Amino acid sequence: MRQTVPCFSASCLFISLLLAITLSCISPAQSIGQDVLNDICSKSKDSSFCLKSLNSDPQTATTDLLGLAGISIKLAKTTVDATDKFVKSQVGLVTDPTLKKQYTQCVESYDDANDKIDYANERLKAGDYGGVGVATSACLDDVSDCEDPPQVAVNVAAASTISLSEQNKESYELCQIALIISNRLSGND
């Protein structure tokens, strides 16, 4: 019977080294660290809100920058959608013509913002990070069009009350976070 002897020749060493390099190149991207999150959030209007929002998704701890872009778009979509629904629920309830006009304008703005976030998600999936930036920037513009909403509060749940102004601010900040991350992805950081 023939006994196998470990290969210590130069060719075996070269093949092992080549295999190690190849595997390291095709392994998944490294997760981002807290320092990257801090850097991203330092560029936002409210860095503590940014950190809290991004860290609210458990995948943030193990994702790469591309995954973080997806998380930020998902967070923005959720908030923009909720604000859109809230505004639509209020427009039929107000009787004051000025207030009605403001809510109607906000409905249009949030319909557009929702479309922009959906488009940003499509561009992200296509690998078009510049397109993500354009879409998230447009979302900021749409949300800003509803920047001076009436200070009307609504009972969202039995224990909490939130105003359109607060929801608008959150929508703006989450779209801004998505823009910051997309800029980093496209090298426009």
C-alpha atoms as a PDB file:
ATOM      1  CA  MET A   1       0.000   0.000   0.000  1.00  0.00           C
ATOM      2  CA  ARG A   2       1.166   3.426  -0.857  1.00  0.00           C
ATOM      3  CA  GLN A   3       1.443   6.012   1.864  1.00  0.00           C
ATOM      4  CA  THR A   4       0.602   9.654   1.119  1.00  0.00           C
ATOM      5  CA  VAL A   5       3.162  12.184   2.088  1.00  0.00           C
ATOM      6  CA  PRO A   6       2.176  15.787   2.817  1.00  0.00           C
ATOM      7  CA  CYS A   7       3.071  18.087  -0.033  1.00  0.00           C
ATOM      8  CA  PHE A   8       5.573  20.726   0.961  1.00  0.00           C
ATOM      9  CA  SER A   9       6.881  21.493  -2.464  1.00  0.00           C
ATOM     10  CA  ALA A  10       6.857  24.964  -3.921  1.00  0.00           C
ATOM     11  CA  SER A  11       3.994  24.097  -6.274  1.00  0.00           C
ATOM     12  CA  CYS A  12       1.759  22.895  -3.410  1.00  0.00           C
ATOM     13  CA  LEU A  13       2.589  25.997  -1.425  1.00  0.00           C
ATOM     14  CA  PHE A  14       1.793  28.172  -4.440  1.00  0.00           C
ATOM     15  CA  ILE A  15      -1.547  26.411  -5.013  1.00  0.00           C
ATOM     16  CA  SER A  16      -2.470  26.744  -1.327  1.00  0.00           C
ATOM     17  CA  LEU A  17      -1.605  30.433  -1.358  1.00  0.00           C
ATOM     18  CA  LEU A  18      -3.573  30.980  -4.576  1.00  0.00           C
ATOM     19  CA  LEU A  19      -6.588  29.189  -3.080  1.00  0.00           C
ATOM     20  CA  ALA A  20      -6.432  31.304   0.094  1.00  0.00           C
ATOM     21  CA  ILE A  21      -6.283  34.539  -1.913  1.00  0.00           C
ATOM     22  CA  THR A  22      -9.151  33.456  -4.152  1.00  0.00           C
ATOM     23  CA  LEU A  23     -11.346  32.522  -1.205  1.00  0.00           C
ATOM     24  CA  SER A  24     -10.666  35.832   0.516  1.00  0.00           C
ATOM     25  CA  CYS A  25     -11.639  37.708  -2.656  1.00  0.00           C
ATOM     26  CA  ILE A  26     -14.967  35.931  -3.078  1.00  0.00           C
ATOM     27  CA  SER A  27     -15.998  35.912   0.556  1.00  0.00           C
ATOM     28  CA  PRO A  28     -18.863  38.219   1.527  1.00  0.00           C
ATOM     29  CA  ALA A  29     -18.026  41.834   2.189  1.00  0.00           C
ATOM     30  CA  GLN A  30     -17.100  42.667   5.725  1.00  0.00           C
ATOM     31  CA  SER A  31     -19.721  44.146   7.956  1.00  0.00           C
ATOM     32  CA  ILE A  32     -19.447  47.822   8.647  1.00  0.00           C
ATOM     33  CA  GLY A  33     -18.185  48.866  12.022  1.00  0.00           C
ATOM     34  CA  GLN A  34     -19.457  51.362  14.538  1.00  0.00           C
ATOM     35  CA  ASP A  35     -16.898  53.883  13.291  1.00  0.00           C
ATOM     36  CA  VAL A  36     -18.455  53.791   9.807  1.00  0.00           C
ATOM     37  CA  LEU A  37     -21.944  54.180  11.285  1.00  0.00           C
ATOM     38  CA  ASN A  38     -20.731  57.113  13.376  1.00  0.00           C
ATOM     39  CA  ASP A  39     -19.158  58.715  10.290  1.00  0.00           C
ATOM     40  CA  ILE A  40     -22.342  58.274   8.232  1.00  0.00           C
ATOM     41  CA  CYS A  41     -24.554  59.623  11.005  1.00  0.00           C
ATOM     42  CA  SER A  42     -22.258  62.596  11.662  1.00  0.00           C
ATOM     43  CA  LYS A  43     -23.313  63.873   8.235  1.00  0.00           C
ATOM     44  CA  SER A  44     -27.029  63.770   9.103  1.00  0.00           C
ATOM     45  CA  LYS A  45     -29.094  66.506  10.712  1.00  0.00           C
ATOM     46  CA  ASP A  46     -29.591  64.463  13.889  1.00  0.00           C
ATOM     47  CA  SER A  47     -26.776  61.975  14.439  1.00  0.00           C
ATOM     48  CA  SER A  48     -28.340  60.347  17.495  1.00  0.00           C
ATOM     49  CA  PHE A  49     -31.602  59.770  15.598  1.00  0.00           C
ATOM     50  CA  CYS A  50     -29.585  58.337  12.704  1.00  0.00           C
ATOM     51  CA  LEU A  51     -27.698  55.894  14.920  1.00  0.00           C
ATOM     52  CA  LYS A  52     -30.847  54.885  16.775  1.00  0.00           C
ATOM     53  CA  SER A  53     -32.744  54.323  13.510  1.00  0.00           C
ATOM     54  CA  LEU A  54     -30.042  52.303  11.780  1.00  0.00           C
ATOM     55  CA  ASN A  55     -29.343  50.247  14.899  1.00  0.00           C
ATOM     56  CA  SER A  56     -33.067  49.515  15.269  1.00  0.00           C
ATOM     57  CA  ASP A  57     -32.650  46.927  12.515  1.00  0.00           C
ATOM     58  CA  PRO A  58     -30.816  43.868  13.872  1.00  0.00           C
ATOM     59  CA  GLN A  59     -29.158  43.292  10.486  1.00  0.00           C
ATOM     60  CA  THR A  60     -27.169  46.519  10.817  1.00  0.00           C
ATOM     61  CA  ALA A  61     -24.638  44.823  13.095  1.00  0.00           C
ATOM     62  CA  THR A  62     -23.678  42.252  10.454  1.00  0.00           C
ATOM     63  CA  THR A  63     -24.301  43.986   7.143  1.00  0.00           C
ATOM     64  CA  ASP A  64     -22.032  45.725   4.676  1.00  0.00           C
ATOM     65  CA  LEU A  65     -22.548  49.199   3.182  1.00  0.00           C
ATOM     66  CA  LEU A  66     -24.810  47.859   0.435  1.00  0.00           C
ATOM     67  CA  GLY A  67     -27.000  46.130   3.025  1.00  0.00           C
ATOM     68  CA  LEU A  68     -27.055  49.314   5.093  1.00  0.00           C
ATOM     69  CA  ALA A  69     -28.327  51.203   2.064  1.00  0.00           C
ATOM     70  CA  GLY A  70     -31.165  48.684   1.803  1.00  0.00           C
ATOM     71  CA  ILE A  71     -31.930  49.061   5.502  1.00  0.00           C
ATOM     72  CA  SER A  72     -32.003  52.862   5.248  1.00  0.00           C
ATOM     73  CA  ILE A  73     -34.319  52.745   2.233  1.00  0.00           C
ATOM     74  CA  LYS A  74     -36.609  50.293   4.042  1.00  0.00           C
ATOM     75  CA  LEU A  75     -36.746  52.581   7.101  1.00  0.00           C
ATOM     76  CA  ALA A  76     -37.452  55.621   4.924  1.00  0.00           C
ATOM     77  CA  LYS A  77     -40.156  53.728   3.013  1.00  0.00           C
ATOM     78  CA  THR A  78     -41.890  52.677   6.229  1.00  0.00           C
ATOM     79  CA  THR A  79     -41.964  56.214   7.603  1.00  0.00           C
ATOM     80  CA  VAL A  80     -42.840  57.953   4.345  1.00  0.00           C
ATOM     81  CA  ASP A  81     -45.662  55.447   3.808  1.00  0.00           C
ATOM     82  CA  ALA A  82     -46.998  55.966   7.354  1.00  0.00           C
ATOM     83  CA  THR A  83     -46.897  59.750   6.965  1.00  0.00           C
ATOM     84  CA  ASP A  84     -48.611  59.494   3.586  1.00  0.00           C
ATOM     85  CA  LYS A  85     -51.421  57.417   5.101  1.00  0.00           C
ATOM     86  CA  PHE A  86     -51.744  59.789   8.044  1.00  0.00           C
ATOM     87  CA  VAL A  87     -52.012  62.861   5.807  1.00  0.00           C
ATOM     88  CA  LYS A  88     -54.604  61.144   3.608  1.00  0.00           C
ATOM     89  CA  SER A  89     -56.642  60.234   6.687  1.00  0.00           C
ATOM     90  CA  GLN A  90     -56.632  63.859   7.842  1.00  0.00           C
ATOM     91  CA  VAL A  91     -57.430  65.641   4.588  1.00  0.00           C
ATOM     92  CA  GLY A  92     -61.066  64.526   4.703  1.00  0.00           C
ATOM     93  CA  LEU A  93     -61.486  65.485   8.345  1.00  0.00           C
ATOM     94  CA  VAL A  94     -60.452  69.129   8.199  1.00  0.00           C
ATOM     95  CA  THR A  95     -62.935  71.843   7.350  1.00  0.00           C
ATOM     96  CA  ASP A  96     -60.673  74.889   7.559  1.00  0.00           C
ATOM     97  CA  PRO A  97     -59.810  75.815   3.931  1.00  0.00           C
ATOM     98  CA  THR A  98     -56.206  76.777   4.747  1.00  0.00           C
ATOM     99  CA  LEU A  99     -55.615  73.569   6.660  1.00  0.00           C
ATOM    100  CA  LYS A 100     -57.276  71.526   3.920  1.00  0.00           C
ATOM    101  CA  LYS A 101     -54.998  73.161   1.336  1.00  0.00           C
ATOM    102  CA  GLN A 102     -51.932  72.319   3.426  1.00  0.00           C
ATOM    103  CA  TYR A 103     -52.989  68.696   3.855  1.00  0.00           C
ATOM    104  CA  THR A 104     -53.848  68.368   0.157  1.00  0.00           C
ATOM    105  CA  GLN A 105     -50.410  69.698  -0.780  1.00  0.00           C
ATOM    106  CA  CYS A 106     -48.818  67.255   1.684  1.00  0.00           C
ATOM    107  CA  VAL A 107     -50.778  64.350   0.166  1.00  0.00           C
ATOM    108  CA  GLU A 108     -49.295  65.172  -3.243  1.00  0.00           C
ATOM    109  CA  SER A 109     -45.820  65.570  -1.762  1.00  0.00           C
ATOM    110  CA  TYR A 110     -45.954  62.262   0.072  1.00  0.00           C
ATOM    111  CA  ASP A 111     -47.359  60.392  -2.927  1.00  0.00           C
ATOM    112  CA  ASP A 112     -44.316  61.656  -4.840  1.00  0.00           C
ATOM    113  CA  ALA A 113     -41.953  60.832  -1.957  1.00  0.00           C
ATOM    114  CA  ASN A 114     -43.311  57.288  -1.847  1.00  0.00           C
ATOM    115  CA  ASP A 115     -42.656  56.911  -5.578  1.00  0.00           C
ATOM    116  CA  LYS A 116     -39.096  58.212  -5.132  1.00  0.00           C
ATOM    117  CA  ILE A 117     -38.333  55.747  -2.324  1.00  0.00           C
ATOM    118  CA  ASP A 118     -39.668  52.876  -4.427  1.00  0.00           C
ATOM    119  CA  TYR A 119     -37.476  54.039  -7.296  1.00  0.00           C
ATOM    120  CA  ALA A 120     -34.451  54.294  -4.977  1.00  0.00           C
ATOM    121  CA  ASN A 121     -35.013  50.676  -3.983  1.00  0.00           C
ATOM    122  CA  GLU A 122     -35.217  49.636  -7.656  1.00  0.00           C
ATOM    123  CA  ARG A 123     -31.985  51.512  -8.433  1.00  0.00           C
ATOM    124  CA  LEU A 124     -30.255  49.880  -5.453  1.00  0.00           C
ATOM    125  CA  LYS A 125     -31.220  46.414  -6.681  1.00  0.00           C
ATOM    126  CA  ALA A 126     -29.890  47.346 -10.137  1.00  0.00           C
ATOM    127  CA  GLY A 127     -26.569  48.503  -8.658  1.00  0.00           C
ATOM    128  CA  ASP A 128     -27.165  52.083  -9.798  1.00  0.00           C
ATOM    129  CA  TYR A 129     -25.971  53.917  -6.696  1.00  0.00           C
ATOM    130  CA  GLY A 130     -26.018  57.294  -8.443  1.00  0.00           C
ATOM    131  CA  GLY A 131     -29.685  56.646  -9.255  1.00  0.00           C
ATOM    132  CA  VAL A 132     -30.301  55.859  -5.591  1.00  0.00           C
ATOM    133  CA  GLY A 133     -28.794  59.235  -4.720  1.00  0.00           C
ATOM    134  CA  VAL A 134     -30.955  61.071  -7.247  1.00  0.00           C
ATOM    135  CA  ALA A 135     -34.106  59.333  -5.994  1.00  0.00           C
ATOM    136  CA  THR A 136     -33.395  59.894  -2.291  1.00  0.00           C
ATOM    137  CA  SER A 137     -32.499  63.524  -2.948  1.00  0.00           C
ATOM    138  CA  ALA A 138     -35.819  63.944  -4.767  1.00  0.00           C
ATOM    139  CA  CYS A 139     -37.547  62.308  -1.789  1.00  0.00           C
ATOM    140  CA  LEU A 140     -36.006  64.983   0.453  1.00  0.00           C
ATOM    141  CA  ASP A 141     -37.379  67.673  -1.842  1.00  0.00           C
ATOM    142  CA  ASP A 142     -40.858  66.123  -1.778  1.00  0.00           C
ATOM    143  CA  VAL A 143     -40.862  65.833   2.010  1.00  0.00           C
ATOM    144  CA  SER A 144     -39.596  69.408   2.299  1.00  0.00           C
ATOM    145  CA  ASP A 145     -42.614  70.563   0.318  1.00  0.00           C
ATOM    146  CA  CYS A 146     -44.627  69.542   3.369  1.00  0.00           C
ATOM    147  CA  GLU A 147     -42.129  71.236   5.692  1.00  0.00           C
ATOM    148  CA  ASP A 148     -44.490  73.649   7.390  1.00  0.00           C
ATOM    149  CA  PRO A 149     -47.431  71.417   8.140  1.00  0.00           C
ATOM    150  CA  PRO A 150     -50.091  72.439  10.596  1.00  0.00           C
ATOM    151  CA  GLN A 151     -49.377  71.607  14.208  1.00  0.00           C
ATOM    152  CA  VAL A 152     -52.254  69.186  14.514  1.00  0.00           C
ATOM    153  CA  ALA A 153     -51.876  66.120  16.666  1.00  0.00           C
ATOM    154  CA  VAL A 154     -53.555  62.803  16.115  1.00  0.00           C
ATOM    155  CA  ASN A 155     -53.998  59.900  18.474  1.00  0.00           C
ATOM    156  CA  VAL A 156     -51.883  57.231  16.732  1.00  0.00           C
ATOM    157  CA  ALA A 157     -52.268  54.640  19.445  1.00  0.00           C
ATOM    158  CA  ALA A 158     -54.012  54.615  22.778  1.00  0.00           C
ATOM    159  CA  ALA A 159     -50.836  55.716  24.542  1.00  0.00           C
ATOM    160  CA  SER A 160     -49.170  58.045  22.062  1.00  0.00           C
ATOM    161  CA  THR A 161     -49.864  61.206  20.152  1.00  0.00           C
ATOM    162  CA  ILE A 162     -47.799  62.347  17.185  1.00  0.00           C
ATOM    163  CA  SER A 163     -48.078  65.422  15.002  1.00  0.00           C
ATOM    164  CA  LEU A 164     -47.667  65.720  11.266  1.00  0.00           C
ATOM    165  CA  SER A 165     -44.686  67.946  11.945  1.00  0.00           C
ATOM    166  CA  GLU A 166     -42.973  65.144  13.901  1.00  0.00           C
ATOM    167  CA  GLN A 167     -43.774  62.554  11.245  1.00  0.00           C
ATOM    168  CA  ASN A 168     -42.539  64.887   8.520  1.00  0.00           C
ATOM    169  CA  LYS A 169     -39.280  65.473  10.382  1.00  0.00           C
ATOM    170  CA  GLU A 170     -38.728  61.723  10.761  1.00  0.00           C
ATOM    171  CA  SER A 171     -39.462  61.124   7.067  1.00  0.00           C
ATOM    172  CA  TYR A 172     -37.010  63.865   6.105  1.00  0.00           C
ATOM    173  CA  GLU A 173     -34.246  62.513   8.324  1.00  0.00           C
ATOM    174  CA  LEU A 174     -34.654  58.924   7.100  1.00  0.00           C
ATOM    175  CA  CYS A 175     -34.566  60.023   3.446  1.00  0.00           C
ATOM    176  CA  GLN A 176     -31.463  62.046   4.289  1.00  0.00           C
ATOM    177  CA  ILE A 177     -29.767  58.986   5.847  1.00  0.00           C
ATOM    178  CA  ALA A 178     -30.519  56.966   2.711  1.00  0.00           C
ATOM    179  CA  LEU A 179     -28.994  59.772   0.612  1.00  0.00           C
ATOM    180  CA  ILE A 180     -25.842  59.909   2.745  1.00  0.00           C
ATOM    181  CA  ILE A 181     -25.349  56.148   2.430  1.00  0.00           C
ATOM    182  CA  SER A 182     -26.030  56.163  -1.319  1.00  0.00           C
ATOM    183  CA  ASN A 183     -23.474  58.953  -1.750  1.00  0.00           C
ATOM    184  CA  ARG A 184     -20.940  56.842   0.104  1.00  0.00           C
ATOM    185  CA  LEU A 185     -21.749  53.838  -2.087  1.00  0.00           C
ATOM    186  CA  SER A 186     -21.284  55.849  -5.281  1.00  0.00           C
ATOM    187  CA  GLY A 187     -18.062  57.457  -4.058  1.00  0.00           C
ATOM    188  CA  ASN A 188     -19.581  60.932  -3.654  1.00  0.00           C
ATOM    189  CA  ASP A 189     -18.990  60.945   0.079  1.00  0.00           C
END
